[in-house]
Amino acid sequence: GYATNLLITQTDRFAAAANVSGKVNIISFLGDSPKITTRNYAAAEVGQDRIGATLWEQPHKYVEHSAVMFADRIKTPLLMLSGEGDWNVPATNQREMYYALRRLGKEVVWVHYTSGGHGAGRSSTAEDFVDHWQRMFEWFAEHFDDSGEGSS
């Protein structure tokens, strides 16, 4: 999800994209994750996000790594899936992108599962698990150009 969010701010190559439990704003993620500890700072500084500095040392890098700051560049239709039980990326973080894209008039659909966790199937009911995958298949089928002339 995180990489997908950043990627679609850089290119319109893709016919559609899906963000599953991906953070969109590193700055708000630091203080809003249900798993709040120094772990979030380490994830940003030297972990998955690989920023290499603290927020206070290089704030511009945190902005550059926050896809929501570049929502106006997104041309790719985006399906967002999240779960209430996500122990890592809270819905409030994804909500930032949803409202930004709606405000900008972009194509976005956000589905938030009351039983889901971080990623597909984690803590989900069987019905939510099936719905999650069905929505993804339908989303890409709807946006896929099978003529061979469109986006990948």
N, C-alpha and C. Protein backbone atom coordinates (compact mmCIF):
# COMPACT_ATOMS: atom_id res chain seq x y z
N GLY A 1 0.80 -1.20 0.00
CA GLY A 1 0.00 0.00 0.00
C GLY A 1 0.84 1.26 0.00
N TYR A 2 1.82 1.33 0.89
CA TYR A 2 2.66 2.53 1.01
C TYR A 2 3.37 2.82 -0.30
N ALA A 3 4.01 1.79 -0.88
CA ALA A 3 4.73 1.98 -2.14
C ALA A 3 3.77 2.31 -3.29
N THR A 4 2.62 1.67 -3.30
CA THR A 4 1.62 1.96 -4.33
C THR A 4 1.21 3.42 -4.28
N ASN A 5 0.96 3.92 -3.08
CA ASN A 5 0.56 5.32 -2.92
C ASN A 5 1.60 6.27 -3.51
N LEU A 6 2.86 6.04 -3.17
CA LEU A 6 3.92 6.91 -3.69
C LEU A 6 4.09 6.75 -5.19
N LEU A 7 4.00 5.53 -5.68
CA LEU A 7 4.19 5.26 -7.11
C LEU A 7 3.17 6.01 -7.97
N ILE A 8 1.92 5.99 -7.57
CA ILE A 8 0.91 6.64 -8.42
C ILE A 8 0.95 8.17 -8.35
N THR A 9 1.76 8.72 -7.45
CA THR A 9 1.98 10.17 -7.49
C THR A 9 3.05 10.52 -8.52
N GLN A 10 3.78 9.52 -8.99
CA GLN A 10 4.91 9.74 -9.90
C GLN A 10 4.62 9.38 -11.36
N THR A 11 3.59 8.56 -11.61
CA THR A 11 3.31 8.10 -12.97
C THR A 11 1.82 7.85 -13.15
N ASP A 12 1.40 7.94 -14.40
CA ASP A 12 0.02 7.57 -14.73
C ASP A 12 0.02 6.31 -15.60
N ARG A 13 1.07 5.55 -15.51
CA ARG A 13 1.26 4.35 -16.32
C ARG A 13 0.21 3.26 -16.05
N PHE A 14 -0.33 3.22 -14.86
CA PHE A 14 -1.20 2.12 -14.46
C PHE A 14 -2.67 2.46 -14.66
N ALA A 15 -3.43 1.47 -15.10
CA ALA A 15 -4.86 1.65 -15.34
C ALA A 15 -5.63 1.81 -14.04
N ALA A 16 -5.13 1.20 -12.98
CA ALA A 16 -5.78 1.26 -11.66
C ALA A 16 -4.76 0.83 -10.61
N ALA A 17 -5.07 1.15 -9.36
CA ALA A 17 -4.20 0.76 -8.25
C ALA A 17 -5.05 0.41 -7.04
N ALA A 18 -4.46 -0.37 -6.14
CA ALA A 18 -5.12 -0.72 -4.89
C ALA A 18 -4.17 -0.48 -3.73
N ASN A 19 -4.66 0.20 -2.72
CA ASN A 19 -3.92 0.46 -1.49
C ASN A 19 -4.56 -0.39 -0.40
N VAL A 20 -3.85 -1.41 0.04
CA VAL A 20 -4.34 -2.27 1.12
C VAL A 20 -3.55 -1.92 2.37
N SER A 21 -4.18 -1.24 3.29
CA SER A 21 -3.59 -0.90 4.59
C SER A 21 -2.30 -0.09 4.49
N GLY A 22 -2.18 0.72 3.47
CA GLY A 22 -0.95 1.48 3.29
C GLY A 22 -1.04 2.90 3.83
N LYS A 23 0.00 3.30 4.54
CA LYS A 23 0.02 4.67 5.07
C LYS A 23 0.22 5.66 3.93
N VAL A 24 -0.32 6.85 4.12
CA VAL A 24 -0.24 7.89 3.10
C VAL A 24 0.45 9.14 3.62
N ASN A 25 0.63 9.24 4.94
CA ASN A 25 1.22 10.42 5.55
C ASN A 25 2.14 9.96 6.68
N ILE A 26 3.44 10.04 6.42
CA ILE A 26 4.43 9.57 7.41
C ILE A 26 4.37 10.42 8.67
N ILE A 27 4.13 11.71 8.53
CA ILE A 27 4.14 12.59 9.70
C ILE A 27 3.01 12.25 10.66
N SER A 28 1.79 12.12 10.16
CA SER A 28 0.69 11.78 11.06
C SER A 28 0.80 10.34 11.54
N PHE A 29 1.40 9.46 10.75
CA PHE A 29 1.60 8.07 11.15
C PHE A 29 2.47 7.98 12.41
N LEU A 30 3.44 8.87 12.53
CA LEU A 30 4.34 8.82 13.69
C LEU A 30 3.59 8.91 15.01
N GLY A 31 2.53 9.70 15.05
CA GLY A 31 1.83 9.90 16.31
C GLY A 31 0.44 9.32 16.37
N ASP A 32 0.00 8.64 15.31
CA ASP A 32 -1.38 8.19 15.26
C ASP A 32 -1.54 6.68 15.20
N SER A 33 -0.46 5.95 15.10
CA SER A 33 -0.58 4.50 15.00
C SER A 33 -0.98 3.91 16.34
N PRO A 34 -1.90 2.92 16.33
CA PRO A 34 -2.30 2.26 17.57
C PRO A 34 -1.12 1.59 18.27
N LYS A 35 -0.06 1.34 17.54
CA LYS A 35 1.12 0.68 18.09
C LYS A 35 2.18 1.73 18.44
N ILE A 36 1.72 2.89 18.89
CA ILE A 36 2.63 4.01 19.08
C ILE A 36 3.68 3.74 20.15
N THR A 37 4.89 3.78 19.71
CA THR A 37 6.09 3.69 20.55
C THR A 37 7.20 4.27 19.70
N THR A 38 8.40 4.10 20.13
CA THR A 38 9.51 4.55 19.30
C THR A 38 9.61 3.70 18.04
N ARG A 39 8.87 2.59 17.98
CA ARG A 39 8.86 1.71 16.82
C ARG A 39 8.47 2.48 15.56
N ASN A 40 7.50 3.36 15.66
CA ASN A 40 7.07 4.12 14.48
C ASN A 40 8.18 5.03 13.98
N TYR A 41 8.91 5.62 14.89
CA TYR A 41 10.02 6.47 14.49
C TYR A 41 11.11 5.65 13.82
N ALA A 42 11.42 4.49 14.38
CA ALA A 42 12.44 3.63 13.78
C ALA A 42 12.01 3.16 12.39
N ALA A 43 10.73 2.86 12.22
CA ALA A 43 10.23 2.43 10.91
C ALA A 43 10.45 3.52 9.87
N ALA A 44 10.21 4.75 10.25
CA ALA A 44 10.39 5.87 9.32
C ALA A 44 11.87 6.16 9.07
N GLU A 45 12.65 6.15 10.13
CA GLU A 45 14.04 6.57 10.01
C GLU A 45 14.94 5.53 9.35
N VAL A 46 14.83 4.27 9.77
CA VAL A 46 15.75 3.24 9.27
C VAL A 46 15.04 1.98 8.80
N GLY A 47 13.74 1.92 8.95
CA GLY A 47 12.99 0.72 8.56
C GLY A 47 12.42 0.83 7.16
N GLN A 48 11.18 0.42 7.01
CA GLN A 48 10.53 0.35 5.70
C GLN A 48 10.62 1.66 4.91
N ASP A 49 10.49 2.77 5.58
CA ASP A 49 10.44 4.05 4.88
C ASP A 49 11.82 4.58 4.49
N ARG A 50 12.86 4.17 5.21
CA ARG A 50 14.26 4.48 4.89
C ARG A 50 14.54 5.97 4.66
N ILE A 51 13.99 6.79 5.51
CA ILE A 51 14.21 8.23 5.36
C ILE A 51 15.62 8.61 5.80
N GLY A 52 16.15 7.94 6.81
CA GLY A 52 17.53 8.14 7.20
C GLY A 52 17.79 9.32 8.11
N ALA A 53 16.73 9.93 8.61
CA ALA A 53 16.88 11.08 9.51
C ALA A 53 15.61 11.21 10.34
N THR A 54 15.71 11.97 11.41
CA THR A 54 14.51 12.21 12.21
C THR A 54 13.66 13.29 11.54
N LEU A 55 12.42 13.38 11.95
CA LEU A 55 11.51 14.40 11.43
C LEU A 55 12.08 15.80 11.65
N TRP A 56 12.74 16.00 12.76
CA TRP A 56 13.25 17.32 13.11
C TRP A 56 14.53 17.66 12.37
N GLU A 57 15.27 16.63 11.96
CA GLU A 57 16.50 16.88 11.21
C GLU A 57 16.21 17.22 9.74
N GLN A 58 15.26 16.49 9.14
CA GLN A 58 14.97 16.69 7.72
C GLN A 58 13.48 16.58 7.45
N PRO A 59 12.70 17.55 7.89
CA PRO A 59 11.24 17.47 7.72
C PRO A 59 10.81 17.36 6.26
N HIS A 60 11.58 17.95 5.35
CA HIS A 60 11.21 17.89 3.93
C HIS A 60 11.18 16.45 3.40
N LYS A 61 12.03 15.58 3.95
CA LYS A 61 12.03 14.18 3.51
C LYS A 61 10.74 13.48 3.94
N TYR A 62 10.19 13.85 5.07
CA TYR A 62 8.94 13.26 5.53
C TYR A 62 7.78 13.70 4.63
N VAL A 63 7.83 14.93 4.19
CA VAL A 63 6.82 15.42 3.24
C VAL A 63 6.97 14.66 1.92
N GLU A 64 8.20 14.52 1.44
CA GLU A 64 8.45 13.82 0.17
C GLU A 64 8.00 12.36 0.21
N HIS A 65 8.01 11.74 1.38
CA HIS A 65 7.61 10.34 1.53
C HIS A 65 6.14 10.18 1.92
N SER A 66 5.39 11.25 1.86
CA SER A 66 3.97 11.22 2.22
C SER A 66 3.13 11.47 0.96
N ALA A 67 2.57 10.40 0.42
CA ALA A 67 1.85 10.47 -0.86
C ALA A 67 0.71 11.48 -0.83
N VAL A 68 0.07 11.66 0.31
CA VAL A 68 -1.06 12.59 0.38
C VAL A 68 -0.65 14.02 0.03
N MET A 69 0.60 14.35 0.23
CA MET A 69 1.09 15.69 -0.10
C MET A 69 1.12 15.94 -1.60
N PHE A 70 1.04 14.86 -2.38
CA PHE A 70 1.09 14.95 -3.84
C PHE A 70 -0.16 14.35 -4.48
N ALA A 71 -1.24 14.35 -3.75
CA ALA A 71 -2.50 13.77 -4.24
C ALA A 71 -2.96 14.43 -5.53
N ASP A 72 -2.63 15.69 -5.71
CA ASP A 72 -3.03 16.40 -6.92
C ASP A 72 -2.39 15.83 -8.18
N ARG A 73 -1.31 15.08 -8.04
CA ARG A 73 -0.63 14.47 -9.19
C ARG A 73 -1.23 13.13 -9.59
N ILE A 74 -2.07 12.56 -8.75
CA ILE A 74 -2.59 11.22 -9.00
C ILE A 74 -3.66 11.25 -10.09
N LYS A 75 -3.43 10.43 -11.12
CA LYS A 75 -4.39 10.27 -12.20
C LYS A 75 -4.96 8.85 -12.21
N THR A 76 -4.33 7.95 -11.50
CA THR A 76 -4.71 6.54 -11.46
C THR A 76 -5.90 6.33 -10.53
N PRO A 77 -6.97 5.67 -11.00
CA PRO A 77 -8.07 5.33 -10.10
C PRO A 77 -7.56 4.46 -8.94
N LEU A 78 -7.99 4.79 -7.73
CA LEU A 78 -7.46 4.12 -6.54
C LEU A 78 -8.56 3.47 -5.72
N LEU A 79 -8.37 2.18 -5.43
CA LEU A 79 -9.21 1.44 -4.50
C LEU A 79 -8.44 1.35 -3.20
N MET A 80 -9.06 1.77 -2.11
CA MET A 80 -8.42 1.72 -0.79
C MET A 80 -9.18 0.75 0.10
N LEU A 81 -8.46 -0.16 0.74
CA LEU A 81 -9.05 -1.15 1.63
C LEU A 81 -8.35 -1.08 2.98
N SER A 82 -9.13 -1.02 4.05
CA SER A 82 -8.54 -0.94 5.39
C SER A 82 -9.42 -1.68 6.38
N GLY A 83 -8.87 -1.91 7.57
CA GLY A 83 -9.61 -2.62 8.61
C GLY A 83 -9.56 -1.89 9.93
N GLU A 84 -10.66 -1.91 10.65
CA GLU A 84 -10.76 -1.25 11.95
C GLU A 84 -9.75 -1.81 12.95
N GLY A 85 -9.43 -3.09 12.81
CA GLY A 85 -8.50 -3.72 13.75
C GLY A 85 -7.05 -3.61 13.33
N ASP A 86 -6.73 -2.71 12.42
CA ASP A 86 -5.35 -2.55 11.96
C ASP A 86 -4.50 -2.00 13.10
N TRP A 87 -3.54 -2.77 13.54
CA TRP A 87 -2.67 -2.40 14.65
C TRP A 87 -1.49 -1.55 14.20
N ASN A 88 -1.38 -1.33 12.89
CA ASN A 88 -0.24 -0.61 12.37
C ASN A 88 -0.63 0.71 11.71
N VAL A 89 -1.44 0.65 10.67
CA VAL A 89 -1.85 1.86 9.95
C VAL A 89 -3.33 2.11 10.23
N PRO A 90 -3.64 3.11 11.03
CA PRO A 90 -5.04 3.37 11.38
C PRO A 90 -5.83 3.96 10.21
N ALA A 91 -7.12 3.79 10.27
CA ALA A 91 -7.99 4.32 9.22
C ALA A 91 -7.84 5.82 9.06
N THR A 92 -7.52 6.52 10.14
CA THR A 92 -7.37 7.97 10.05
C THR A 92 -6.28 8.35 9.05
N ASN A 93 -5.26 7.51 8.92
CA ASN A 93 -4.18 7.80 7.98
C ASN A 93 -4.67 7.65 6.55
N GLN A 94 -5.36 6.55 6.26
CA GLN A 94 -5.88 6.35 4.91
C GLN A 94 -6.97 7.37 4.59
N ARG A 95 -7.73 7.75 5.58
CA ARG A 95 -8.81 8.71 5.37
C ARG A 95 -8.27 10.02 4.78
N GLU A 96 -7.06 10.39 5.15
CA GLU A 96 -6.46 11.61 4.62
C GLU A 96 -6.40 11.56 3.09
N MET A 97 -6.00 10.42 2.53
CA MET A 97 -5.91 10.30 1.08
C MET A 97 -7.29 10.26 0.45
N TYR A 98 -8.21 9.56 1.08
CA TYR A 98 -9.56 9.47 0.54
C TYR A 98 -10.17 10.86 0.39
N TYR A 99 -10.11 11.65 1.45
CA TYR A 99 -10.70 12.98 1.39
C TYR A 99 -9.94 13.90 0.44
N ALA A 100 -8.63 13.76 0.38
CA ALA A 100 -7.85 14.58 -0.56
C ALA A 100 -8.26 14.28 -2.00
N LEU A 101 -8.36 13.00 -2.34
CA LEU A 101 -8.73 12.63 -3.71
C LEU A 101 -10.16 13.03 -4.04
N ARG A 102 -11.04 12.87 -3.07
CA ARG A 102 -12.43 13.32 -3.30
C ARG A 102 -12.47 14.83 -3.53
N ARG A 103 -11.75 15.57 -2.72
CA ARG A 103 -11.71 17.03 -2.86
C ARG A 103 -11.17 17.44 -4.22
N LEU A 104 -10.22 16.66 -4.74
CA LEU A 104 -9.60 16.96 -6.03
C LEU A 104 -10.39 16.41 -7.22
N GLY A 105 -11.49 15.71 -6.94
CA GLY A 105 -12.32 15.16 -8.01
C GLY A 105 -11.73 13.94 -8.68
N LYS A 106 -10.87 13.21 -7.98
CA LYS A 106 -10.22 12.02 -8.53
C LYS A 106 -11.08 10.79 -8.26
N GLU A 107 -10.84 9.74 -9.04
CA GLU A 107 -11.59 8.49 -8.85
C GLU A 107 -10.97 7.70 -7.70
N VAL A 108 -11.75 7.51 -6.64
CA VAL A 108 -11.29 6.77 -5.47
C VAL A 108 -12.48 6.08 -4.82
N VAL A 109 -12.24 4.87 -4.36
CA VAL A 109 -13.22 4.12 -3.58
C VAL A 109 -12.51 3.64 -2.33
N TRP A 110 -13.13 3.84 -1.18
CA TRP A 110 -12.54 3.39 0.08
C TRP A 110 -13.52 2.46 0.77
N VAL A 111 -13.04 1.26 1.09
CA VAL A 111 -13.83 0.28 1.82
C VAL A 111 -13.12 0.02 3.14
N HIS A 112 -13.83 0.25 4.23
CA HIS A 112 -13.25 0.05 5.56
C HIS A 112 -14.03 -1.06 6.26
N TYR A 113 -13.33 -2.15 6.56
CA TYR A 113 -13.96 -3.31 7.19
C TYR A 113 -13.91 -3.18 8.71
N THR A 114 -15.03 -3.40 9.36
CA THR A 114 -15.08 -3.25 10.82
C THR A 114 -14.33 -4.36 11.54
N SER A 115 -14.11 -5.49 10.88
CA SER A 115 -13.42 -6.59 11.56
C SER A 115 -12.00 -6.81 11.04
N GLY A 116 -11.62 -6.14 9.98
CA GLY A 116 -10.33 -6.40 9.36
C GLY A 116 -9.16 -5.85 10.13
N GLY A 117 -7.98 -6.36 9.78
CA GLY A 117 -6.75 -5.91 10.40
C GLY A 117 -5.83 -5.29 9.37
N HIS A 118 -4.53 -5.45 9.55
CA HIS A 118 -3.53 -4.89 8.64
C HIS A 118 -3.28 -5.87 7.51
N GLY A 119 -3.82 -5.59 6.36
CA GLY A 119 -3.65 -6.47 5.20
C GLY A 119 -4.83 -7.38 5.01
N ALA A 120 -4.87 -7.99 3.85
CA ALA A 120 -5.99 -8.85 3.48
C ALA A 120 -6.07 -10.08 4.36
N GLY A 121 -7.23 -10.28 4.94
CA GLY A 121 -7.47 -11.50 5.69
C GLY A 121 -7.09 -11.48 7.14
N ARG A 122 -6.33 -10.51 7.57
CA ARG A 122 -5.93 -10.48 8.98
C ARG A 122 -7.10 -10.07 9.85
N SER A 123 -7.51 -10.93 10.71
CA SER A 123 -8.61 -10.69 11.65
C SER A 123 -9.95 -10.49 10.97
N SER A 124 -10.05 -10.81 9.70
CA SER A 124 -11.30 -10.60 8.97
C SER A 124 -12.25 -11.76 9.16
N THR A 125 -13.52 -11.47 8.99
CA THR A 125 -14.51 -12.54 8.91
C THR A 125 -14.36 -13.18 7.54
N ALA A 126 -14.91 -14.36 7.38
CA ALA A 126 -14.85 -15.04 6.08
C ALA A 126 -15.52 -14.20 5.01
N GLU A 127 -16.64 -13.57 5.37
CA GLU A 127 -17.36 -12.73 4.40
C GLU A 127 -16.52 -11.53 3.98
N ASP A 128 -15.87 -10.89 4.93
CA ASP A 128 -15.03 -9.74 4.60
C ASP A 128 -13.83 -10.15 3.75
N PHE A 129 -13.26 -11.30 4.07
CA PHE A 129 -12.12 -11.80 3.30
C PHE A 129 -12.50 -11.98 1.84
N VAL A 130 -13.64 -12.63 1.61
CA VAL A 130 -14.12 -12.85 0.24
C VAL A 130 -14.44 -11.52 -0.43
N ASP A 131 -15.11 -10.63 0.30
CA ASP A 131 -15.47 -9.33 -0.25
C ASP A 131 -14.24 -8.53 -0.65
N HIS A 132 -13.23 -8.57 0.19
CA HIS A 132 -11.97 -7.87 -0.06
C HIS A 132 -11.38 -8.28 -1.40
N TRP A 133 -11.23 -9.58 -1.61
CA TRP A 133 -10.61 -10.06 -2.84
C TRP A 133 -11.53 -9.86 -4.04
N GLN A 134 -12.81 -10.04 -3.84
CA GLN A 134 -13.76 -9.83 -4.94
C GLN A 134 -13.73 -8.38 -5.42
N ARG A 135 -13.70 -7.46 -4.47
CA ARG A 135 -13.63 -6.04 -4.84
C ARG A 135 -12.35 -5.73 -5.62
N MET A 136 -11.23 -6.31 -5.21
CA MET A 136 -9.98 -6.07 -5.92
C MET A 136 -10.05 -6.62 -7.35
N PHE A 137 -10.53 -7.85 -7.49
CA PHE A 137 -10.65 -8.43 -8.83
C PHE A 137 -11.57 -7.58 -9.71
N GLU A 138 -12.70 -7.18 -9.17
CA GLU A 138 -13.66 -6.37 -9.93
C GLU A 138 -13.08 -5.00 -10.28
N TRP A 139 -12.35 -4.40 -9.35
CA TRP A 139 -11.75 -3.09 -9.57
C TRP A 139 -10.79 -3.13 -10.77
N PHE A 140 -9.91 -4.13 -10.76
CA PHE A 140 -8.95 -4.22 -11.85
C PHE A 140 -9.61 -4.64 -13.16
N ALA A 141 -10.60 -5.51 -13.09
CA ALA A 141 -11.33 -5.90 -14.30
C ALA A 141 -12.04 -4.70 -14.91
N GLU A 142 -12.60 -3.86 -14.07
CA GLU A 142 -13.31 -2.67 -14.55
C GLU A 142 -12.37 -1.68 -15.24
N HIS A 143 -11.14 -1.57 -14.75
CA HIS A 143 -10.21 -0.58 -15.26
C HIS A 143 -9.19 -1.12 -16.25
N PHE A 144 -9.18 -2.42 -16.46
CA PHE A 144 -8.18 -3.02 -17.34
C PHE A 144 -8.58 -2.85 -18.79
N ASP A 145 -7.65 -2.37 -19.58
CA ASP A 145 -7.87 -2.19 -21.02
C ASP A 145 -7.41 -3.45 -21.72
N ASP A 146 -8.33 -4.29 -22.12
CA ASP A 146 -7.95 -5.57 -22.73
C ASP A 146 -7.68 -5.45 -24.22
N SER A 147 -7.68 -4.25 -24.77
CA SER A 147 -7.37 -4.08 -26.19
C SER A 147 -5.88 -4.18 -26.45
N GLY A 148 -5.08 -4.10 -25.37
CA GLY A 148 -3.63 -4.17 -25.52
C GLY A 148 -3.00 -2.83 -25.85
N GLU A 149 -3.80 -1.78 -25.95
CA GLU A 149 -3.28 -0.47 -26.32
C GLU A 149 -3.17 0.50 -25.15
N GLY A 150 -3.77 0.15 -24.02
CA GLY A 150 -3.83 1.09 -22.90
C GLY A 150 -2.73 0.87 -21.89
N SER A 151 -2.99 1.34 -20.70
CA SER A 151 -2.03 1.24 -19.61
C SER A 151 -1.84 -0.19 -19.18
N SER A 152 -0.76 -0.42 -18.45
CA SER A 152 -0.45 -1.75 -17.92
C SER A 152 -1.34 -2.08 -16.76
